[in-house]
All heavy atoms as atom14 arrays in JSON, in Angstrom:
{
  "sequence": "YVAAITHWQKLVSLLPPDYQDIQMIHDGINQAKEFLAMQKGGKQMLAQ",
  "atom14_mask": [
    [1, 1, 1, 1, 1, 1, 1, 1, 1, 1, 1, 1, 0, 0],
    [1, 1, 1, 1, 1, 1, 1, 0, 0, 0, 0, 0, 0, 0],
    [1, 1, 1, 1, 1, 0, 0, 0, 0, 0, 0, 0, 0, 0],
    [1, 1, 1, 1, 1, 0, 0, 0, 0, 0, 0, 0, 0, 0],
    [1, 1, 1, 1, 1, 1, 1, 1, 0, 0, 0, 0, 0, 0],
    [1, 1, 1, 1, 1, 1, 1, 0, 0, 0, 0, 0, 0, 0],
    [1, 1, 1, 1, 1, 1, 1, 1, 1, 1, 0, 0, 0, 0],
    [1, 1, 1, 1, 1, 1, 1, 1, 1, 1, 1, 1, 1, 1],
    [1, 1, 1, 1, 1, 1, 1, 1, 1, 0, 0, 0, 0, 0],
    [1, 1, 1, 1, 1, 1, 1, 1, 1, 0, 0, 0, 0, 0],
    [1, 1, 1, 1, 1, 1, 1, 1, 0, 0, 0, 0, 0, 0],
    [1, 1, 1, 1, 1, 1, 1, 0, 0, 0, 0, 0, 0, 0],
    [1, 1, 1, 1, 1, 1, 0, 0, 0, 0, 0, 0, 0, 0],
    [1, 1, 1, 1, 1, 1, 1, 1, 0, 0, 0, 0, 0, 0],
    [1, 1, 1, 1, 1, 1, 1, 1, 0, 0, 0, 0, 0, 0],
    [1, 1, 1, 1, 1, 1, 1, 0, 0, 0, 0, 0, 0, 0],
    [1, 1, 1, 1, 1, 1, 1, 0, 0, 0, 0, 0, 0, 0],
    [1, 1, 1, 1, 1, 1, 1, 1, 0, 0, 0, 0, 0, 0],
    [1, 1, 1, 1, 1, 1, 1, 1, 1, 1, 1, 1, 0, 0],
    [1, 1, 1, 1, 1, 1, 1, 1, 1, 0, 0, 0, 0, 0],
    [1, 1, 1, 1, 1, 1, 1, 1, 0, 0, 0, 0, 0, 0],
    [1, 1, 1, 1, 1, 1, 1, 1, 0, 0, 0, 0, 0, 0],
    [1, 1, 1, 1, 1, 1, 1, 1, 1, 0, 0, 0, 0, 0],
    [1, 1, 1, 1, 1, 1, 1, 1, 0, 0, 0, 0, 0, 0],
    [1, 1, 1, 1, 1, 1, 1, 1, 0, 0, 0, 0, 0, 0],
    [1, 1, 1, 1, 1, 1, 1, 1, 1, 1, 0, 0, 0, 0],
    [1, 1, 1, 1, 1, 1, 1, 1, 0, 0, 0, 0, 0, 0],
    [1, 1, 1, 1, 0, 0, 0, 0, 0, 0, 0, 0, 0, 0],
    [1, 1, 1, 1, 1, 1, 1, 1, 0, 0, 0, 0, 0, 0],
    [1, 1, 1, 1, 1, 1, 1, 1, 0, 0, 0, 0, 0, 0],
    [1, 1, 1, 1, 1, 1, 1, 1, 1, 0, 0, 0, 0, 0],
    [1, 1, 1, 1, 1, 0, 0, 0, 0, 0, 0, 0, 0, 0],
    [1, 1, 1, 1, 1, 1, 1, 1, 1, 0, 0, 0, 0, 0],
    [1, 1, 1, 1, 1, 1, 1, 1, 1, 0, 0, 0, 0, 0],
    [1, 1, 1, 1, 1, 1, 1, 1, 1, 1, 1, 0, 0, 0],
    [1, 1, 1, 1, 1, 1, 1, 1, 0, 0, 0, 0, 0, 0],
    [1, 1, 1, 1, 1, 0, 0, 0, 0, 0, 0, 0, 0, 0],
    [1, 1, 1, 1, 1, 1, 1, 1, 0, 0, 0, 0, 0, 0],
    [1, 1, 1, 1, 1, 1, 1, 1, 1, 0, 0, 0, 0, 0],
    [1, 1, 1, 1, 1, 1, 1, 1, 1, 0, 0, 0, 0, 0],
    [1, 1, 1, 1, 0, 0, 0, 0, 0, 0, 0, 0, 0, 0],
    [1, 1, 1, 1, 0, 0, 0, 0, 0, 0, 0, 0, 0, 0],
    [1, 1, 1, 1, 1, 1, 1, 1, 1, 0, 0, 0, 0, 0],
    [1, 1, 1, 1, 1, 1, 1, 1, 1, 0, 0, 0, 0, 0],
    [1, 1, 1, 1, 1, 1, 1, 1, 0, 0, 0, 0, 0, 0],
    [1, 1, 1, 1, 1, 1, 1, 1, 0, 0, 0, 0, 0, 0],
    [1, 1, 1, 1, 1, 0, 0, 0, 0, 0, 0, 0, 0, 0],
    [1, 1, 1, 1, 1, 1, 1, 1, 1, 0, 0, 0, 0, 0]
  ],
  "atom14_positions": [
    [[-94.37, -17.8, -2.73], [-93.22, -18.57, -2.27], [-92.99, -19.8, -3.12], [-91.84, -20.21, -3.31], [-93.38, -18.93, -0.79], [-93.58, -17.71, 0.06], [-94.74, -17.52, 0.79], [-92.6, -16.71, 0.12], [-94.94, -16.38, 1.56], [-92.79, -15.58, 0.89], [-93.95, -15.42, 1.6], [-94.13, -14.29, 2.35], [0.0, 0.0, 0.0], [0.0, 0.0, 0.0]],
    [[-94.03, -20.38, -3.65], [-93.87, -21.55, -4.51], [-93.06, -21.17, -5.75], [-92.12, -21.88, -6.13], [-95.24, -22.16, -4.89], [-95.09, -23.24, -5.95], [-95.94, -22.71, -3.66], [0.0, 0.0, 0.0], [0.0, 0.0, 0.0], [0.0, 0.0, 0.0], [0.0, 0.0, 0.0], [0.0, 0.0, 0.0], [0.0, 0.0, 0.0], [0.0, 0.0, 0.0]],
    [[-93.41, -20.05, -6.38], [-92.67, -19.6, -7.56], [-91.22, -19.27, -7.2], [-90.3, -19.63, -7.94], [-93.35, -18.39, -8.19], [0.0, 0.0, 0.0], [0.0, 0.0, 0.0], [0.0, 0.0, 0.0], [0.0, 0.0, 0.0], [0.0, 0.0, 0.0], [0.0, 0.0, 0.0], [0.0, 0.0, 0.0], [0.0, 0.0, 0.0], [0.0, 0.0, 0.0]],
    [[-91.01, -18.59, -6.07], [-89.66, -18.24, -5.66], [-88.82, -19.5, -5.45], [-87.69, -19.6, -5.95], [-89.69, -17.41, -4.38], [0.0, 0.0, 0.0], [0.0, 0.0, 0.0], [0.0, 0.0, 0.0], [0.0, 0.0, 0.0], [0.0, 0.0, 0.0], [0.0, 0.0, 0.0], [0.0, 0.0, 0.0], [0.0, 0.0, 0.0], [0.0, 0.0, 0.0]],
    [[-89.36, -20.47, -4.74], [-88.64, -21.72, -4.47], [-88.33, -22.44, -5.78], [-87.2, -22.88, -6.01], [-89.46, -22.63, -3.52], [-89.57, -21.99, -2.14], [-88.84, -24.02, -3.44], [-90.64, -22.6, -1.24], [0.0, 0.0, 0.0], [0.0, 0.0, 0.0], [0.0, 0.0, 0.0], [0.0, 0.0, 0.0], [0.0, 0.0, 0.0], [0.0, 0.0, 0.0]],
    [[-89.32, -22.53, -6.65], [-89.15, -23.23, -7.92], [-88.06, -22.58, -8.77], [-87.18, -23.26, -9.3], [-90.48, -23.26, -8.69], [-91.47, -23.91, -7.88], [-90.34, -23.99, -10.01], [0.0, 0.0, 0.0], [0.0, 0.0, 0.0], [0.0, 0.0, 0.0], [0.0, 0.0, 0.0], [0.0, 0.0, 0.0], [0.0, 0.0, 0.0], [0.0, 0.0, 0.0]],
    [[-88.1, -21.26, -8.88], [-87.11, -20.56, -9.7], [-85.71, -20.65, -9.09], [-84.73, -20.84, -9.8], [-87.51, -19.1, -9.9], [-88.67, -18.93, -10.83], [-88.63, -19.25, -12.16], [-89.92, -18.47, -10.61], [-89.79, -19.01, -12.73], [-90.6, -18.53, -11.8], [0.0, 0.0, 0.0], [0.0, 0.0, 0.0], [0.0, 0.0, 0.0], [0.0, 0.0, 0.0]],
    [[-85.62, -20.5, -7.78], [-84.3, -20.57, -7.14], [-83.73, -21.98, -7.21], [-82.53, -22.15, -7.36], [-84.37, -20.06, -5.72], [-84.5, -18.57, -5.65], [-84.16, -17.66, -6.61], [-85.02, -17.81, -4.57], [-84.44, -16.39, -6.18], [-84.98, -16.46, -4.93], [-85.54, -18.16, -3.33], [-85.41, -15.44, -4.09], [-85.97, -17.15, -2.5], [-85.9, -15.8, -2.87]],
    [[-84.58, -23.0, -7.1], [-84.08, -24.37, -7.25], [-83.56, -24.59, -8.66], [-82.54, -25.24, -8.86], [-85.17, -25.39, -6.91], [-85.42, -25.51, -5.43], [-86.54, -26.49, -5.09], [-87.39, -26.8, -5.92], [-86.55, -26.95, -3.86], [0.0, 0.0, 0.0], [0.0, 0.0, 0.0], [0.0, 0.0, 0.0], [0.0, 0.0, 0.0], [0.0, 0.0, 0.0]],
    [[-84.26, -24.03, -9.63], [-83.8, -24.15, -11.02], [-82.47, -23.43, -11.18], [-81.55, -23.95, -11.83], [-84.84, -23.57, -11.98], [-84.47, -23.72, -13.43], [-85.57, -23.24, -14.34], [-85.17, -23.45, -15.8], [-86.23, -23.04, -16.7], [0.0, 0.0, 0.0], [0.0, 0.0, 0.0], [0.0, 0.0, 0.0], [0.0, 0.0, 0.0], [0.0, 0.0, 0.0]],
    [[-82.34, -22.26, -10.59], [-81.1, -21.52, -10.65], [-79.95, -22.33, -10.06], [-78.87, -22.44, -10.65], [-81.23, -20.18, -9.91], [-79.97, -19.35, -9.76], [-79.38, -18.96, -11.11], [-80.25, -18.12, -8.92], [0.0, 0.0, 0.0], [0.0, 0.0, 0.0], [0.0, 0.0, 0.0], [0.0, 0.0, 0.0], [0.0, 0.0, 0.0], [0.0, 0.0, 0.0]],
    [[-80.17, -22.93, -8.89], [-79.14, -23.74, -8.24], [-78.73, -24.9, -9.14], [-77.55, -25.24, -9.23], [-79.61, -24.24, -6.86], [-78.7, -25.32, -6.31], [-79.7, -23.08, -5.88], [0.0, 0.0, 0.0], [0.0, 0.0, 0.0], [0.0, 0.0, 0.0], [0.0, 0.0, 0.0], [0.0, 0.0, 0.0], [0.0, 0.0, 0.0], [0.0, 0.0, 0.0]],
    [[-79.69, -25.49, -9.86], [-79.37, -26.62, -10.73], [-78.5, -26.2, -11.91], [-77.84, -27.04, -12.51], [-80.65, -27.3, -11.22], [-81.27, -26.54, -12.24], [0.0, 0.0, 0.0], [0.0, 0.0, 0.0], [0.0, 0.0, 0.0], [0.0, 0.0, 0.0], [0.0, 0.0, 0.0], [0.0, 0.0, 0.0], [0.0, 0.0, 0.0], [0.0, 0.0, 0.0]],
    [[-78.5, -24.91, -12.24], [-77.71, -24.42, -13.37], [-76.31, -23.96, -12.96], [-75.46, -23.73, -13.81], [-78.45, -23.26, -14.05], [-79.78, -23.61, -14.68], [-80.5, -22.35, -15.13], [-79.59, -24.57, -15.86], [0.0, 0.0, 0.0], [0.0, 0.0, 0.0], [0.0, 0.0, 0.0], [0.0, 0.0, 0.0], [0.0, 0.0, 0.0], [0.0, 0.0, 0.0]],
    [[-76.09, -23.8, -11.67], [-74.81, -23.29, -11.18], [-73.88, -24.42, -10.79], [-74.33, -25.47, -10.34], [-75.05, -22.39, -9.96], [-75.83, -21.11, -10.21], [-76.18, -20.43, -8.89], [-75.04, -20.16, -11.1], [0.0, 0.0, 0.0], [0.0, 0.0, 0.0], [0.0, 0.0, 0.0], [0.0, 0.0, 0.0], [0.0, 0.0, 0.0], [0.0, 0.0, 0.0]],
    [[-72.58, -24.2, -10.91], [-71.64, -25.21, -10.42], [-71.73, -25.28, -8.9], [-71.99, -24.27, -8.24], [-70.27, -24.69, -10.88], [-70.47, -23.25, -11.2], [-71.91, -23.05, -11.52], [0.0, 0.0, 0.0], [0.0, 0.0, 0.0], [0.0, 0.0, 0.0], [0.0, 0.0, 0.0], [0.0, 0.0, 0.0], [0.0, 0.0, 0.0], [0.0, 0.0, 0.0]],
    [[-71.52, -26.46, -8.31], [-71.66, -26.62, -6.86], [-70.74, -25.72, -6.05], [-71.05, -25.39, -4.91], [-71.32, -28.09, -6.62], [-71.35, -28.75, -7.95], [-71.19, -27.7, -8.99], [0.0, 0.0, 0.0], [0.0, 0.0, 0.0], [0.0, 0.0, 0.0], [0.0, 0.0, 0.0], [0.0, 0.0, 0.0], [0.0, 0.0, 0.0], [0.0, 0.0, 0.0]],
    [[-69.62, -25.3, -6.63], [-68.68, -24.46, -5.89], [-68.89, -22.97, -6.16], [-68.05, -22.14, -5.8], [-67.24, -24.85, -6.22], [-66.91, -24.69, -7.7], [-67.84, -24.55, -8.52], [-65.71, -24.7, -8.04], [0.0, 0.0, 0.0], [0.0, 0.0, 0.0], [0.0, 0.0, 0.0], [0.0, 0.0, 0.0], [0.0, 0.0, 0.0], [0.0, 0.0, 0.0]],
    [[-70.03, -22.6, -6.75], [-70.32, -21.19, -7.03], [-70.3, -20.4, -5.73], [-70.88, -20.83, -4.72], [-71.69, -21.08, -7.72], [-72.03, -19.67, -8.12], [-71.38, -19.05, -9.16], [-73.0, -18.96, -7.45], [-71.68, -17.76, -9.54], [-73.32, -17.66, -7.8], [-72.65, -17.07, -8.86], [-72.95, -15.78, -9.21], [0.0, 0.0, 0.0], [0.0, 0.0, 0.0]],
    [[-69.64, -19.27, -5.73], [-69.38, -18.52, -4.49], [-70.63, -18.04, -3.76], [-70.62, -17.89, -2.54], [-68.45, -17.35, -4.75], [-69.06, -16.26, -5.63], [-68.1, -15.12, -5.9], [-66.95, -15.18, -5.51], [-68.57, -14.1, -6.58], [0.0, 0.0, 0.0], [0.0, 0.0, 0.0], [0.0, 0.0, 0.0], [0.0, 0.0, 0.0], [0.0, 0.0, 0.0]],
    [[-71.73, -17.8, -4.45], [-72.93, -17.28, -3.82], [-74.04, -18.32, -3.68], [-75.19, -17.98, -3.38], [-73.48, -16.07, -4.6], [-72.56, -14.87, -4.51], [-71.9, -14.71, -3.46], [-72.48, -14.1, -5.49], [0.0, 0.0, 0.0], [0.0, 0.0, 0.0], [0.0, 0.0, 0.0], [0.0, 0.0, 0.0], [0.0, 0.0, 0.0], [0.0, 0.0, 0.0]],
    [[-73.71, -19.58, -3.88], [-74.75, -20.61, -3.87], [-75.4, -20.74, -2.49], [-76.6, -21.01, -2.39], [-74.22, -21.96, -4.4], [-75.39, -22.8, -4.93], [-73.42, -22.71, -3.34], [-74.97, -23.88, -5.89], [0.0, 0.0, 0.0], [0.0, 0.0, 0.0], [0.0, 0.0, 0.0], [0.0, 0.0, 0.0], [0.0, 0.0, 0.0], [0.0, 0.0, 0.0]],
    [[-74.64, -20.52, -1.43], [-75.22, -20.62, -0.09], [-76.28, -19.55, 0.12], [-77.31, -19.79, 0.75], [-74.14, -20.53, 0.99], [-74.69, -20.78, 2.39], [-75.4, -22.12, 2.52], [-74.85, -23.15, 2.16], [-76.62, -22.12, 3.04], [0.0, 0.0, 0.0], [0.0, 0.0, 0.0], [0.0, 0.0, 0.0], [0.0, 0.0, 0.0], [0.0, 0.0, 0.0]],
    [[-76.06, -18.36, -0.44], [-77.04, -17.29, -0.33], [-78.36, -17.69, -1.0], [-79.44, -17.43, -0.49], [-76.5, -16.02, -0.97], [-77.44, -14.84, -0.93], [-76.74, -13.32, -1.61], [-76.52, -13.78, -3.32], [0.0, 0.0, 0.0], [0.0, 0.0, 0.0], [0.0, 0.0, 0.0], [0.0, 0.0, 0.0], [0.0, 0.0, 0.0], [0.0, 0.0, 0.0]],
    [[-78.27, -18.38, -2.13], [-79.47, -18.84, -2.83], [-80.17, -19.91, -2.02], [-81.39, -19.9, -1.86], [-79.11, -19.33, -4.25], [-78.46, -18.2, -5.05], [-80.36, -19.86, -4.96], [-77.76, -18.66, -6.3], [0.0, 0.0, 0.0], [0.0, 0.0, 0.0], [0.0, 0.0, 0.0], [0.0, 0.0, 0.0], [0.0, 0.0, 0.0], [0.0, 0.0, 0.0]],
    [[-79.4, -20.85, -1.45], [-79.99, -21.88, -0.59], [-80.68, -21.25, 0.63], [-81.75, -21.7, 1.04], [-78.92, -22.88, -0.13], [-78.54, -23.89, -1.17], [-79.41, -24.83, -1.65], [-77.38, -24.09, -1.81], [-78.79, -25.58, -2.55], [-77.55, -25.15, -2.67], [0.0, 0.0, 0.0], [0.0, 0.0, 0.0], [0.0, 0.0, 0.0], [0.0, 0.0, 0.0]],
    [[-80.07, -20.21, 1.18], [-80.69, -19.51, 2.31], [-82.03, -18.9, 1.91], [-83.0, -18.93, 2.67], [-79.75, -18.44, 2.87], [-78.51, -19.01, 3.53], [-78.47, -20.23, 3.82], [-77.55, -18.22, 3.75], [0.0, 0.0, 0.0], [0.0, 0.0, 0.0], [0.0, 0.0, 0.0], [0.0, 0.0, 0.0], [0.0, 0.0, 0.0], [0.0, 0.0, 0.0]],
    [[-82.09, -18.32, 0.72], [-83.34, -17.76, 0.21], [-84.4, -18.83, 0.02], [-85.57, -18.62, 0.34], [0.0, 0.0, 0.0], [0.0, 0.0, 0.0], [0.0, 0.0, 0.0], [0.0, 0.0, 0.0], [0.0, 0.0, 0.0], [0.0, 0.0, 0.0], [0.0, 0.0, 0.0], [0.0, 0.0, 0.0], [0.0, 0.0, 0.0], [0.0, 0.0, 0.0]],
    [[-83.99, -19.99, -0.49], [-84.93, -21.11, -0.66], [-85.48, -21.54, 0.7], [-86.68, -21.73, 0.86], [-84.23, -22.3, -1.37], [-83.92, -21.94, -2.83], [-85.1, -23.56, -1.3], [-83.01, -22.93, -3.53], [0.0, 0.0, 0.0], [0.0, 0.0, 0.0], [0.0, 0.0, 0.0], [0.0, 0.0, 0.0], [0.0, 0.0, 0.0], [0.0, 0.0, 0.0]],
    [[-84.59, -21.68, 1.68], [-85.02, -22.1, 3.01], [-85.96, -21.08, 3.65], [-86.95, -21.45, 4.29], [-83.81, -22.36, 3.91], [-83.04, -23.58, 3.46], [-83.57, -24.49, 2.85], [-81.75, -23.6, 3.76], [0.0, 0.0, 0.0], [0.0, 0.0, 0.0], [0.0, 0.0, 0.0], [0.0, 0.0, 0.0], [0.0, 0.0, 0.0], [0.0, 0.0, 0.0]],
    [[-85.66, -19.8, 3.46], [-86.53, -18.77, 4.03], [-87.91, -18.81, 3.36], [-88.94, -18.72, 4.04], [-85.9, -17.4, 3.85], [-86.71, -16.29, 4.5], [-86.06, -14.93, 4.34], [-85.34, -14.67, 3.38], [-86.31, -14.05, 5.28], [0.0, 0.0, 0.0], [0.0, 0.0, 0.0], [0.0, 0.0, 0.0], [0.0, 0.0, 0.0], [0.0, 0.0, 0.0]],
    [[-87.93, -18.97, 2.04], [-89.21, -19.04, 1.33], [-90.0, -20.27, 1.79], [-91.23, -20.22, 1.93], [-88.98, -19.08, -0.17], [0.0, 0.0, 0.0], [0.0, 0.0, 0.0], [0.0, 0.0, 0.0], [0.0, 0.0, 0.0], [0.0, 0.0, 0.0], [0.0, 0.0, 0.0], [0.0, 0.0, 0.0], [0.0, 0.0, 0.0], [0.0, 0.0, 0.0]],
    [[-89.31, -21.39, 2.04], [-89.98, -22.59, 2.53], [-90.59, -22.35, 3.92], [-91.69, -22.81, 4.21], [-89.01, -23.77, 2.59], [-88.68, -24.34, 1.22], [-87.72, -25.5, 1.35], [-87.45, -26.15, 0.01], [-86.55, -27.31, 0.12], [0.0, 0.0, 0.0], [0.0, 0.0, 0.0], [0.0, 0.0, 0.0], [0.0, 0.0, 0.0], [0.0, 0.0, 0.0]],
    [[-89.86, -21.62, 4.76], [-90.38, -21.31, 6.1], [-91.63, -20.44, 6.0], [-92.63, -20.69, 6.68], [-89.32, -20.6, 6.93], [-88.17, -21.49, 7.36], [-87.05, -20.73, 8.04], [-87.25, -19.54, 8.42], [-85.96, -21.3, 8.2], [0.0, 0.0, 0.0], [0.0, 0.0, 0.0], [0.0, 0.0, 0.0], [0.0, 0.0, 0.0], [0.0, 0.0, 0.0]],
    [[-91.59, -19.41, 5.15], [-92.75, -18.54, 4.97], [-93.93, -19.31, 4.39], [-95.07, -19.12, 4.81], [-92.41, -17.35, 4.07], [-91.49, -16.34, 4.69], [-90.66, -15.58, 3.89], [-91.44, -16.14, 6.06], [-89.81, -14.63, 4.45], [-90.59, -15.2, 6.63], [-89.78, -14.44, 5.81], [0.0, 0.0, 0.0], [0.0, 0.0, 0.0], [0.0, 0.0, 0.0]],
    [[-93.65, -20.19, 3.42], [-94.71, -20.99, 2.82], [-95.35, -21.91, 3.86], [-96.58, -22.03, 3.92], [-94.16, -21.81, 1.66], [-95.14, -22.72, 0.92], [-96.31, -21.91, 0.35], [-94.43, -23.5, -0.17], [0.0, 0.0, 0.0], [0.0, 0.0, 0.0], [0.0, 0.0, 0.0], [0.0, 0.0, 0.0], [0.0, 0.0, 0.0], [0.0, 0.0, 0.0]],
    [[-94.54, -22.52, 4.7], [-95.05, -23.44, 5.72], [-95.96, -22.73, 6.72], [-96.86, -23.35, 7.3], [-93.9, -24.11, 6.46], [0.0, 0.0, 0.0], [0.0, 0.0, 0.0], [0.0, 0.0, 0.0], [0.0, 0.0, 0.0], [0.0, 0.0, 0.0], [0.0, 0.0, 0.0], [0.0, 0.0, 0.0], [0.0, 0.0, 0.0], [0.0, 0.0, 0.0]],
    [[-95.78, -21.42, 6.91], [-96.6, -20.66, 7.85], [-97.96, -20.27, 7.26], [-98.85, -19.88, 7.98], [-95.85, -19.4, 8.31], [-94.69, -19.72, 9.22], [-93.94, -18.24, 9.95], [-93.01, -17.58, 8.59], [0.0, 0.0, 0.0], [0.0, 0.0, 0.0], [0.0, 0.0, 0.0], [0.0, 0.0, 0.0], [0.0, 0.0, 0.0], [0.0, 0.0, 0.0]],
    [[-98.1, -20.34, 5.93], [-99.36, -19.99, 5.29], [-100.36, -21.14, 5.42], [-99.97, -22.3, 5.54], [-99.15, -19.72, 3.8], [-98.43, -18.45, 3.49], [-98.32, -18.23, 1.98], [-98.36, -19.15, 1.19], [-98.18, -16.97, 1.6], [0.0, 0.0, 0.0], [0.0, 0.0, 0.0], [0.0, 0.0, 0.0], [0.0, 0.0, 0.0], [0.0, 0.0, 0.0]],
    [[-101.63, -20.8, 5.35], [-102.67, -21.82, 5.37], [-102.5, -22.71, 4.14], [-102.45, -22.22, 3.01], [-104.05, -21.17, 5.37], [-105.16, -22.17, 5.45], [-106.51, -21.52, 5.55], [-107.58, -22.58, 5.67], [-108.9, -21.98, 5.82], [0.0, 0.0, 0.0], [0.0, 0.0, 0.0], [0.0, 0.0, 0.0], [0.0, 0.0, 0.0], [0.0, 0.0, 0.0]],
    [[-102.38, -24.0, 4.36], [-102.19, -24.96, 3.27], [-100.77, -25.0, 2.75], [-100.47, -25.73, 1.8], [0.0, 0.0, 0.0], [0.0, 0.0, 0.0], [0.0, 0.0, 0.0], [0.0, 0.0, 0.0], [0.0, 0.0, 0.0], [0.0, 0.0, 0.0], [0.0, 0.0, 0.0], [0.0, 0.0, 0.0], [0.0, 0.0, 0.0], [0.0, 0.0, 0.0]],
    [[-99.89, -24.23, 3.35], [-98.51, -24.14, 2.87], [-97.72, -25.42, 3.02], [-96.91, -25.76, 2.16], [0.0, 0.0, 0.0], [0.0, 0.0, 0.0], [0.0, 0.0, 0.0], [0.0, 0.0, 0.0], [0.0, 0.0, 0.0], [0.0, 0.0, 0.0], [0.0, 0.0, 0.0], [0.0, 0.0, 0.0], [0.0, 0.0, 0.0], [0.0, 0.0, 0.0]],
    [[-97.97, -26.15, 4.1], [-97.23, -27.4, 4.3], [-97.56, -28.41, 3.22], [-96.69, -29.16, 2.77], [-97.5, -27.97, 5.7], [-96.86, -27.13, 6.79], [-97.09, -27.7, 8.16], [-96.46, -26.77, 9.19], [-96.69, -27.2, 10.55], [0.0, 0.0, 0.0], [0.0, 0.0, 0.0], [0.0, 0.0, 0.0], [0.0, 0.0, 0.0], [0.0, 0.0, 0.0]],
    [[-98.81, -28.43, 2.78], [-99.2, -29.33, 1.7], [-98.54, -28.91, 0.39], [-98.07, -29.75, -0.38], [-100.72, -29.37, 1.52], [-101.46, -30.05, 2.67], [-101.65, -29.13, 3.89], [-101.38, -27.94, 3.85], [-102.1, -29.71, 4.99], [0.0, 0.0, 0.0], [0.0, 0.0, 0.0], [0.0, 0.0, 0.0], [0.0, 0.0, 0.0], [0.0, 0.0, 0.0]],
    [[-98.51, -27.6, 0.12], [-97.85, -27.11, -1.1], [-96.36, -27.43, -1.06], [-95.77, -27.82, -2.07], [-98.07, -25.61, -1.27], [-99.48, -25.24, -1.69], [-99.63, -23.48, -2.08], [-99.86, -22.79, -0.47], [0.0, 0.0, 0.0], [0.0, 0.0, 0.0], [0.0, 0.0, 0.0], [0.0, 0.0, 0.0], [0.0, 0.0, 0.0], [0.0, 0.0, 0.0]],
    [[-95.77, -27.27, 0.1], [-94.34, -27.54, 0.27], [-94.04, -29.02, -0.01], [-93.04, -29.33, -0.66], [-93.93, -27.18, 1.7], [-92.46, -27.02, 2.0], [-91.79, -26.02, 1.08], [-92.28, -26.58, 3.45], [0.0, 0.0, 0.0], [0.0, 0.0, 0.0], [0.0, 0.0, 0.0], [0.0, 0.0, 0.0], [0.0, 0.0, 0.0], [0.0, 0.0, 0.0]],
    [[-94.92, -29.89, 0.43], [-94.71, -31.33, 0.2], [-94.8, -31.69, -1.28], [-94.22, -32.7, -1.69], [-95.75, -32.13, 0.99], [0.0, 0.0, 0.0], [0.0, 0.0, 0.0], [0.0, 0.0, 0.0], [0.0, 0.0, 0.0], [0.0, 0.0, 0.0], [0.0, 0.0, 0.0], [0.0, 0.0, 0.0], [0.0, 0.0, 0.0], [0.0, 0.0, 0.0]],
    [[-95.47, -30.87, -2.08], [-95.63, -31.17, -3.5], [-94.5, -30.61, -4.36], [-94.38, -30.96, -5.53], [-96.97, -30.62, -4.0], [-98.15, -31.32, -3.38], [-99.46, -30.69, -3.77], [-99.51, -29.71, -4.51], [-100.56, -31.25, -3.28], [0.0, 0.0, 0.0], [0.0, 0.0, 0.0], [0.0, 0.0, 0.0], [0.0, 0.0, 0.0], [0.0, 0.0, 0.0]]
  ]
}
């Protein structure tokens, strides 16, 4: 999930803010953050 979040955040930074599918990418980031937070030590990784 750390790699997924990192790559998707990089992708969002390369897209224009009005890109039609940007919300879908943000949803994926949020879902990966939720899954990461549920893992042992995930909240600490998320904070970093």
